[in-house]
């Protein structure tokens, strides 16, 4: 796999149940090879004021070619009006791991 062919997509969810539902749905659709979930606290601007909330951070390991479908599925299932869905490029990695991402996403 050449550099830049993999990406990580960051998504936040309000609770563990929703995070797990998003992870399973995207894995079943083969839009990600792996999803990691971690509890976090987010501080952010919303409706003109600074807010903080406990959230779950999901890290999807996937391919850029899967991003649009992944984004659309997450958006359709997410409870937030404005879910965080951010694609980050992977510029380098272990070749064996990057190949595994490609195989598991059906690329």
N, C-alpha and C. Protein backbone atom coordinates (compact mmCIF):
# COMPACT_ATOMS: atom_id res chain seq x y z
N UNK A 1 0.85 -1.18 0.00
CA UNK A 1 0.00 0.00 0.00
C UNK A 1 0.89 1.23 0.00
N UNK A 2 0.62 2.17 -0.87
CA UNK A 2 1.39 3.40 -0.93
C UNK A 2 0.98 4.33 0.20
N UNK A 3 1.89 5.24 0.53
CA UNK A 3 1.57 6.24 1.55
C UNK A 3 0.34 7.02 1.10
N UNK A 4 -0.49 7.40 2.06
CA UNK A 4 -1.68 8.17 1.75
C UNK A 4 -2.88 7.33 1.35
N UNK A 5 -2.73 6.02 1.26
CA UNK A 5 -3.86 5.20 0.88
C UNK A 5 -4.74 4.80 2.05
N UNK A 6 -4.29 5.04 3.27
CA UNK A 6 -5.10 4.74 4.45
C UNK A 6 -5.45 6.06 5.12
N UNK A 7 -6.47 6.01 5.97
CA UNK A 7 -6.83 7.19 6.75
C UNK A 7 -7.45 6.76 8.07
N UNK A 8 -7.48 7.71 8.99
CA UNK A 8 -8.17 7.53 10.26
C UNK A 8 -9.31 8.55 10.27
N UNK A 9 -10.48 8.09 10.64
CA UNK A 9 -11.63 8.99 10.72
C UNK A 9 -12.02 9.11 12.19
N UNK A 10 -12.03 10.34 12.67
CA UNK A 10 -12.40 10.63 14.06
C UNK A 10 -13.88 11.00 14.14
N UNK A 11 -14.56 10.38 15.11
CA UNK A 11 -15.98 10.65 15.33
C UNK A 11 -16.20 10.66 16.84
N UNK A 12 -17.02 11.57 17.33
CA UNK A 12 -17.42 11.52 18.73
C UNK A 12 -18.88 11.12 18.83
N UNK A 13 -19.20 10.45 19.93
CA UNK A 13 -20.57 10.01 20.20
C UNK A 13 -20.89 10.35 21.66
N UNK A 14 -22.18 10.50 21.98
CA UNK A 14 -22.55 10.94 23.32
C UNK A 14 -22.40 9.88 24.41
N UNK A 15 -22.39 8.60 24.03
CA UNK A 15 -22.31 7.54 25.05
C UNK A 15 -21.76 6.26 24.43
N UNK A 16 -21.43 5.32 25.30
CA UNK A 16 -20.81 4.08 24.85
C UNK A 16 -21.74 3.26 23.96
N UNK A 17 -23.02 3.23 24.27
CA UNK A 17 -23.97 2.45 23.49
C UNK A 17 -24.02 2.92 22.04
N UNK A 18 -24.11 4.24 21.85
CA UNK A 18 -24.15 4.76 20.49
C UNK A 18 -22.81 4.53 19.78
N UNK A 19 -21.72 4.71 20.51
CA UNK A 19 -20.39 4.47 19.92
C UNK A 19 -20.27 3.03 19.43
N UNK A 20 -20.69 2.10 20.25
CA UNK A 20 -20.61 0.69 19.86
C UNK A 20 -21.53 0.37 18.69
N UNK A 21 -22.70 0.99 18.65
CA UNK A 21 -23.63 0.79 17.54
C UNK A 21 -23.03 1.31 16.23
N UNK A 22 -22.39 2.48 16.29
CA UNK A 22 -21.73 3.03 15.11
C UNK A 22 -20.57 2.14 14.66
N UNK A 23 -19.79 1.66 15.62
CA UNK A 23 -18.65 0.80 15.29
C UNK A 23 -19.11 -0.48 14.60
N UNK A 24 -20.08 -1.15 15.17
CA UNK A 24 -20.55 -2.42 14.60
C UNK A 24 -21.16 -2.20 13.21
N UNK A 25 -21.97 -1.16 13.05
CA UNK A 25 -22.61 -0.91 11.75
C UNK A 25 -21.57 -0.67 10.66
N UNK A 26 -20.54 0.09 10.96
CA UNK A 26 -19.53 0.40 9.94
C UNK A 26 -18.63 -0.81 9.67
N UNK A 27 -18.36 -1.61 10.69
CA UNK A 27 -17.58 -2.83 10.47
C UNK A 27 -18.37 -3.83 9.63
N UNK A 28 -19.65 -4.00 9.95
CA UNK A 28 -20.48 -4.93 9.17
C UNK A 28 -20.58 -4.51 7.71
N UNK A 29 -20.56 -3.21 7.47
CA UNK A 29 -20.63 -2.69 6.10
C UNK A 29 -19.26 -2.71 5.41
N UNK A 30 -18.22 -3.17 6.12
CA UNK A 30 -16.84 -3.22 5.61
C UNK A 30 -16.32 -1.85 5.22
N UNK A 31 -16.78 -0.82 5.95
CA UNK A 31 -16.31 0.54 5.71
C UNK A 31 -15.12 0.89 6.58
N UNK A 32 -14.77 0.02 7.52
CA UNK A 32 -13.59 0.19 8.37
C UNK A 32 -13.04 -1.19 8.69
N UNK A 33 -11.74 -1.25 8.91
CA UNK A 33 -11.10 -2.51 9.31
C UNK A 33 -11.07 -2.63 10.82
N UNK A 34 -11.07 -1.49 11.51
CA UNK A 34 -10.94 -1.47 12.97
C UNK A 34 -11.57 -0.18 13.47
N UNK A 35 -12.20 -0.25 14.63
CA UNK A 35 -12.72 0.95 15.29
C UNK A 35 -12.31 0.88 16.75
N UNK A 36 -11.61 1.91 17.20
CA UNK A 36 -11.25 2.01 18.61
C UNK A 36 -12.15 3.03 19.28
N UNK A 37 -12.55 2.74 20.52
CA UNK A 37 -13.46 3.62 21.26
C UNK A 37 -12.79 3.96 22.60
N UNK A 38 -12.80 5.25 22.91
CA UNK A 38 -12.18 5.70 24.16
C UNK A 38 -13.04 6.79 24.79
N UNK A 39 -13.20 6.76 26.11
CA UNK A 39 -13.94 7.80 26.82
C UNK A 39 -13.09 9.06 26.88
N UNK A 40 -13.71 10.21 26.60
CA UNK A 40 -13.01 11.50 26.62
C UNK A 40 -13.92 12.56 27.23
N UNK A 41 -13.36 13.74 27.48
CA UNK A 41 -14.14 14.93 27.81
C UNK A 41 -13.86 15.95 26.74
N UNK A 42 -14.90 16.46 26.10
CA UNK A 42 -14.76 17.47 25.05
C UNK A 42 -15.15 18.83 25.59
N UNK A 43 -14.37 19.83 25.25
CA UNK A 43 -14.66 21.24 25.56
C UNK A 43 -14.78 21.95 24.22
N UNK A 44 -15.88 22.68 24.00
CA UNK A 44 -16.13 23.24 22.68
C UNK A 44 -17.12 24.38 22.75
N UNK A 45 -17.13 25.18 21.68
CA UNK A 45 -18.13 26.23 21.53
C UNK A 45 -19.41 25.63 20.97
N UNK A 46 -20.56 25.97 21.57
CA UNK A 46 -21.85 25.56 21.03
C UNK A 46 -22.89 26.59 21.44
N UNK A 47 -23.66 27.07 20.49
CA UNK A 47 -24.70 28.08 20.74
C UNK A 47 -24.13 29.29 21.47
N UNK A 48 -22.93 29.73 21.07
CA UNK A 48 -22.35 30.96 21.61
C UNK A 48 -21.71 30.86 22.97
N UNK A 49 -21.56 29.65 23.50
CA UNK A 49 -20.91 29.53 24.81
C UNK A 49 -20.03 28.28 24.85
N UNK A 50 -19.08 28.29 25.76
CA UNK A 50 -18.19 27.15 25.94
C UNK A 50 -18.92 26.08 26.75
N UNK A 51 -18.87 24.86 26.25
CA UNK A 51 -19.56 23.72 26.84
C UNK A 51 -18.57 22.59 27.02
N UNK A 52 -18.84 21.71 27.95
CA UNK A 52 -18.03 20.49 28.07
C UNK A 52 -18.96 19.32 28.33
N UNK A 53 -18.58 18.17 27.75
CA UNK A 53 -19.38 16.96 27.88
C UNK A 53 -18.48 15.75 27.88
N UNK A 54 -18.91 14.72 28.57
CA UNK A 54 -18.29 13.40 28.45
C UNK A 54 -18.76 12.82 27.13
N UNK A 55 -17.83 12.29 26.35
CA UNK A 55 -18.16 11.69 25.07
C UNK A 55 -17.31 10.44 24.86
N UNK A 56 -17.59 9.76 23.78
CA UNK A 56 -16.78 8.63 23.33
C UNK A 56 -16.12 9.03 22.03
N UNK A 57 -14.82 8.81 21.93
CA UNK A 57 -14.08 9.09 20.70
C UNK A 57 -13.89 7.79 19.94
N UNK A 58 -14.34 7.77 18.70
CA UNK A 58 -14.16 6.60 17.83
C UNK A 58 -13.08 6.93 16.80
N UNK A 59 -12.16 6.00 16.61
CA UNK A 59 -11.13 6.11 15.59
C UNK A 59 -11.32 4.97 14.61
N UNK A 60 -11.75 5.29 13.40
CA UNK A 60 -12.00 4.31 12.35
C UNK A 60 -10.75 4.20 11.49
N UNK A 61 -10.22 2.99 11.29
CA UNK A 61 -9.10 2.76 10.38
C UNK A 61 -9.69 2.29 9.06
N UNK A 62 -9.46 3.07 8.00
CA UNK A 62 -10.11 2.79 6.73
C UNK A 62 -9.29 3.32 5.57
N UNK A 63 -9.91 3.39 4.41
CA UNK A 63 -9.29 3.90 3.19
C UNK A 63 -10.00 5.17 2.76
N UNK A 64 -9.28 6.10 2.14
CA UNK A 64 -9.94 7.32 1.66
C UNK A 64 -11.12 7.03 0.72
N UNK A 65 -11.03 5.97 -0.06
CA UNK A 65 -12.12 5.63 -0.98
C UNK A 65 -13.39 5.20 -0.24
N UNK A 66 -13.29 4.85 1.03
CA UNK A 66 -14.45 4.45 1.82
C UNK A 66 -15.05 5.61 2.61
N UNK A 67 -14.36 6.78 2.60
CA UNK A 67 -14.77 7.87 3.48
C UNK A 67 -16.20 8.34 3.24
N UNK A 68 -16.57 8.60 2.00
CA UNK A 68 -17.92 9.14 1.72
C UNK A 68 -19.01 8.21 2.23
N UNK A 69 -18.88 6.92 1.97
CA UNK A 69 -19.89 5.95 2.44
C UNK A 69 -19.87 5.85 3.97
N UNK A 70 -18.68 5.89 4.56
CA UNK A 70 -18.56 5.85 6.02
C UNK A 70 -19.22 7.08 6.63
N UNK A 71 -18.92 8.25 6.09
CA UNK A 71 -19.51 9.49 6.58
C UNK A 71 -21.03 9.45 6.47
N UNK A 72 -21.54 8.98 5.35
CA UNK A 72 -22.99 8.94 5.15
C UNK A 72 -23.68 7.97 6.10
N UNK A 73 -23.07 6.81 6.33
CA UNK A 73 -23.66 5.85 7.26
C UNK A 73 -23.64 6.39 8.69
N UNK A 74 -22.52 6.95 9.10
CA UNK A 74 -22.43 7.53 10.45
C UNK A 74 -23.46 8.64 10.61
N UNK A 75 -23.55 9.52 9.63
CA UNK A 75 -24.51 10.63 9.69
C UNK A 75 -25.94 10.11 9.82
N UNK A 76 -26.27 9.05 9.11
CA UNK A 76 -27.63 8.51 9.15
C UNK A 76 -27.97 7.87 10.49
N UNK A 77 -26.97 7.40 11.22
CA UNK A 77 -27.21 6.70 12.49
C UNK A 77 -26.94 7.57 13.72
N UNK A 78 -26.28 8.68 13.56
CA UNK A 78 -25.80 9.49 14.68
C UNK A 78 -26.92 10.33 15.28
N UNK A 79 -26.89 10.49 16.59
CA UNK A 79 -27.92 11.28 17.27
C UNK A 79 -27.63 12.78 17.26
N UNK A 80 -26.40 13.19 17.01
CA UNK A 80 -26.07 14.62 16.99
C UNK A 80 -26.57 15.28 15.70
N UNK A 81 -26.99 16.55 15.81
CA UNK A 81 -27.35 17.33 14.62
C UNK A 81 -26.11 17.61 13.77
N UNK A 82 -24.97 17.81 14.45
CA UNK A 82 -23.72 18.14 13.78
C UNK A 82 -22.62 17.22 14.29
N UNK A 83 -22.61 15.96 13.85
CA UNK A 83 -21.59 15.05 14.37
C UNK A 83 -20.19 15.41 13.86
N UNK A 84 -19.21 15.21 14.74
CA UNK A 84 -17.81 15.35 14.32
C UNK A 84 -17.45 14.14 13.46
N UNK A 85 -17.07 14.39 12.24
CA UNK A 85 -16.59 13.34 11.33
C UNK A 85 -15.42 13.96 10.58
N UNK A 86 -14.20 13.59 10.96
CA UNK A 86 -12.99 14.21 10.42
C UNK A 86 -12.07 13.13 9.87
N UNK A 87 -11.67 13.28 8.63
CA UNK A 87 -10.74 12.34 8.00
C UNK A 87 -9.31 12.85 8.14
N UNK A 88 -8.42 12.00 8.65
CA UNK A 88 -7.00 12.32 8.78
C UNK A 88 -6.20 11.36 7.91
N UNK A 89 -5.29 11.86 7.09
CA UNK A 89 -4.50 10.97 6.24
C UNK A 89 -3.46 10.20 7.05
N UNK A 90 -3.20 8.99 6.63
CA UNK A 90 -2.08 8.21 7.17
C UNK A 90 -0.97 8.34 6.14
N UNK A 91 0.12 8.98 6.53
CA UNK A 91 1.20 9.21 5.57
C UNK A 91 2.24 8.11 5.57
N UNK A 92 2.24 7.28 6.61
CA UNK A 92 3.16 6.15 6.67
C UNK A 92 2.65 5.19 7.73
N UNK A 93 3.09 3.94 7.63
CA UNK A 93 2.70 2.94 8.62
C UNK A 93 3.36 1.62 8.30
N UNK A 94 3.15 0.66 9.17
CA UNK A 94 3.67 -0.68 8.94
C UNK A 94 2.96 -1.29 7.74
N UNK A 95 3.71 -1.70 6.75
CA UNK A 95 3.13 -2.22 5.50
C UNK A 95 2.14 -3.35 5.75
N UNK A 96 2.48 -4.24 6.67
CA UNK A 96 1.60 -5.38 6.95
C UNK A 96 0.25 -4.89 7.51
N UNK A 97 0.28 -3.89 8.40
CA UNK A 97 -0.95 -3.34 8.97
C UNK A 97 -1.76 -2.61 7.91
N UNK A 98 -1.10 -1.82 7.08
CA UNK A 98 -1.81 -1.09 6.02
C UNK A 98 -2.44 -2.06 5.03
N UNK A 99 -1.75 -3.16 4.73
CA UNK A 99 -2.32 -4.19 3.86
C UNK A 99 -3.54 -4.84 4.49
N UNK A 100 -3.48 -5.04 5.80
CA UNK A 100 -4.63 -5.60 6.53
C UNK A 100 -5.84 -4.69 6.42
N UNK A 101 -5.66 -3.37 6.55
CA UNK A 101 -6.77 -2.42 6.38
C UNK A 101 -7.40 -2.59 5.01
N UNK A 102 -6.56 -2.67 3.99
CA UNK A 102 -7.06 -2.82 2.62
C UNK A 102 -7.86 -4.11 2.48
N UNK A 103 -7.32 -5.23 2.98
CA UNK A 103 -8.03 -6.52 2.87
C UNK A 103 -9.37 -6.49 3.60
N UNK A 104 -9.39 -5.96 4.80
CA UNK A 104 -10.61 -6.00 5.62
C UNK A 104 -11.70 -5.05 5.14
N UNK A 105 -11.33 -4.06 4.36
CA UNK A 105 -12.34 -3.15 3.81
C UNK A 105 -12.71 -3.53 2.39
N UNK A 106 -12.19 -4.66 1.93
CA UNK A 106 -12.57 -5.18 0.63
C UNK A 106 -11.97 -4.43 -0.54
N UNK A 107 -10.91 -3.71 -0.29
CA UNK A 107 -10.28 -2.92 -1.39
C UNK A 107 -9.41 -3.82 -2.26
